[in-house]
Amino acid sequence: MKASRAICMVCDMFVSQKTHFKARFKSKTYYFCCDECKHAFTSNPYRYTIS
């Protein structure tokens, strides 16, 4: 079975949901391609989640 894919909220790359780079915000899990993108998101999650 293929791993589910998600999109890195910072750089819009496809990532596996098995990645080690993830964070929870407002009861939702977000996945990232690298530690730098995860850090950017956790520093200011509203920047990446408000439409």
C-alpha atoms as a PDB file:
ATOM      1  CA  MET A   1       0.000   0.000   0.000  1.00  0.00           C
ATOM      2  CA  LYS A   2       1.276   3.464  -0.881  1.00  0.00           C
ATOM      3  CA  ALA A   3       1.807   5.976   1.892  1.00  0.00           C
ATOM      4  CA  SER A   4      -0.605   8.861   1.816  1.00  0.00           C
ATOM      5  CA  ARG A   5       0.769  12.114   0.508  1.00  0.00           C
ATOM      6  CA  ALA A   6       0.387  15.593   1.830  1.00  0.00           C
ATOM      7  CA  ILE A   7       1.599  18.997   0.716  1.00  0.00           C
ATOM      8  CA  CYS A   8       4.211  20.952   2.638  1.00  0.00           C
ATOM      9  CA  MET A   9       2.380  24.116   3.738  1.00  0.00           C
ATOM     10  CA  VAL A  10       5.513  26.229   3.343  1.00  0.00           C
ATOM     11  CA  CYS A  11       6.921  25.295  -0.074  1.00  0.00           C
ATOM     12  CA  ASP A  12       4.041  23.314  -1.679  1.00  0.00           C
ATOM     13  CA  MET A  13       6.068  20.130  -2.230  1.00  0.00           C
ATOM     14  CA  PHE A  14       4.428  16.721  -2.010  1.00  0.00           C
ATOM     15  CA  VAL A  15       5.577  14.829   1.095  1.00  0.00           C
ATOM     16  CA  SER A  16       4.798  11.470   2.616  1.00  0.00           C
ATOM     17  CA  GLN A  17       2.659  11.455   5.734  1.00  0.00           C
ATOM     18  CA  LYS A  18       5.333   9.165   7.176  1.00  0.00           C
ATOM     19  CA  THR A  19       7.748  12.108   7.322  1.00  0.00           C
ATOM     20  CA  HIS A  20       9.377  12.971  10.635  1.00  0.00           C
ATOM     21  CA  PHE A  21       8.663  16.643   9.972  1.00  0.00           C
ATOM     22  CA  LYS A  22       5.144  17.317  11.217  1.00  0.00           C
ATOM     23  CA  ALA A  23       3.351  19.642  13.587  1.00  0.00           C
ATOM     24  CA  ARG A  24      -0.113  19.947  15.103  1.00  0.00           C
ATOM     25  CA  PHE A  25      -2.048  23.187  14.922  1.00  0.00           C
ATOM     26  CA  LYS A  26      -5.712  23.655  15.849  1.00  0.00           C
ATOM     27  CA  SER A  27      -6.280  19.874  16.056  1.00  0.00           C
ATOM     28  CA  LYS A  28      -4.868  19.239  12.566  1.00  0.00           C
ATOM     29  CA  THR A  29      -1.571  17.624  11.595  1.00  0.00           C
ATOM     30  CA  TYR A  30       0.582  19.409   9.020  1.00  0.00           C
ATOM     31  CA  TYR A  31       3.445  17.701   7.164  1.00  0.00           C
ATOM     32  CA  PHE A  32       6.681  19.269   5.920  1.00  0.00           C
ATOM     33  CA  CYS A  33       9.500  18.386   3.546  1.00  0.00           C
ATOM     34  CA  CYS A  34      12.283  19.482   5.908  1.00  0.00           C
ATOM     35  CA  ASP A  35      13.043  20.886   9.343  1.00  0.00           C
ATOM     36  CA  GLU A  36      13.398  24.428   7.983  1.00  0.00           C
ATOM     37  CA  CYS A  37       9.848  24.384   6.607  1.00  0.00           C
ATOM     38  CA  LYS A  38       8.521  22.929   9.860  1.00  0.00           C
ATOM     39  CA  HIS A  39      10.280  25.688  11.810  1.00  0.00           C
ATOM     40  CA  ALA A  40       8.907  28.391   9.501  1.00  0.00           C
ATOM     41  CA  PHE A  41       5.392  27.035  10.022  1.00  0.00           C
ATOM     42  CA  THR A  42       5.630  26.652  13.800  1.00  0.00           C
ATOM     43  CA  SER A  43       7.090  30.161  14.128  1.00  0.00           C
ATOM     44  CA  ASN A  44       3.984  31.667  12.507  1.00  0.00           C
ATOM     45  CA  PRO A  45       1.286  29.076  11.628  1.00  0.00           C
ATOM     46  CA  TYR A  46      -1.347  31.705  10.847  1.00  0.00           C
ATOM     47  CA  ARG A  47       0.741  32.873   7.896  1.00  0.00           C
ATOM     48  CA  TYR A  48       0.286  29.463   6.239  1.00  0.00           C
ATOM     49  CA  THR A  49      -3.234  28.523   7.351  1.00  0.00           C
ATOM     50  CA  ILE A  50      -5.353  31.633   6.757  1.00  0.00           C
ATOM     51  CA  SER A  51      -6.845  31.709   3.278  1.00  0.00           C
END
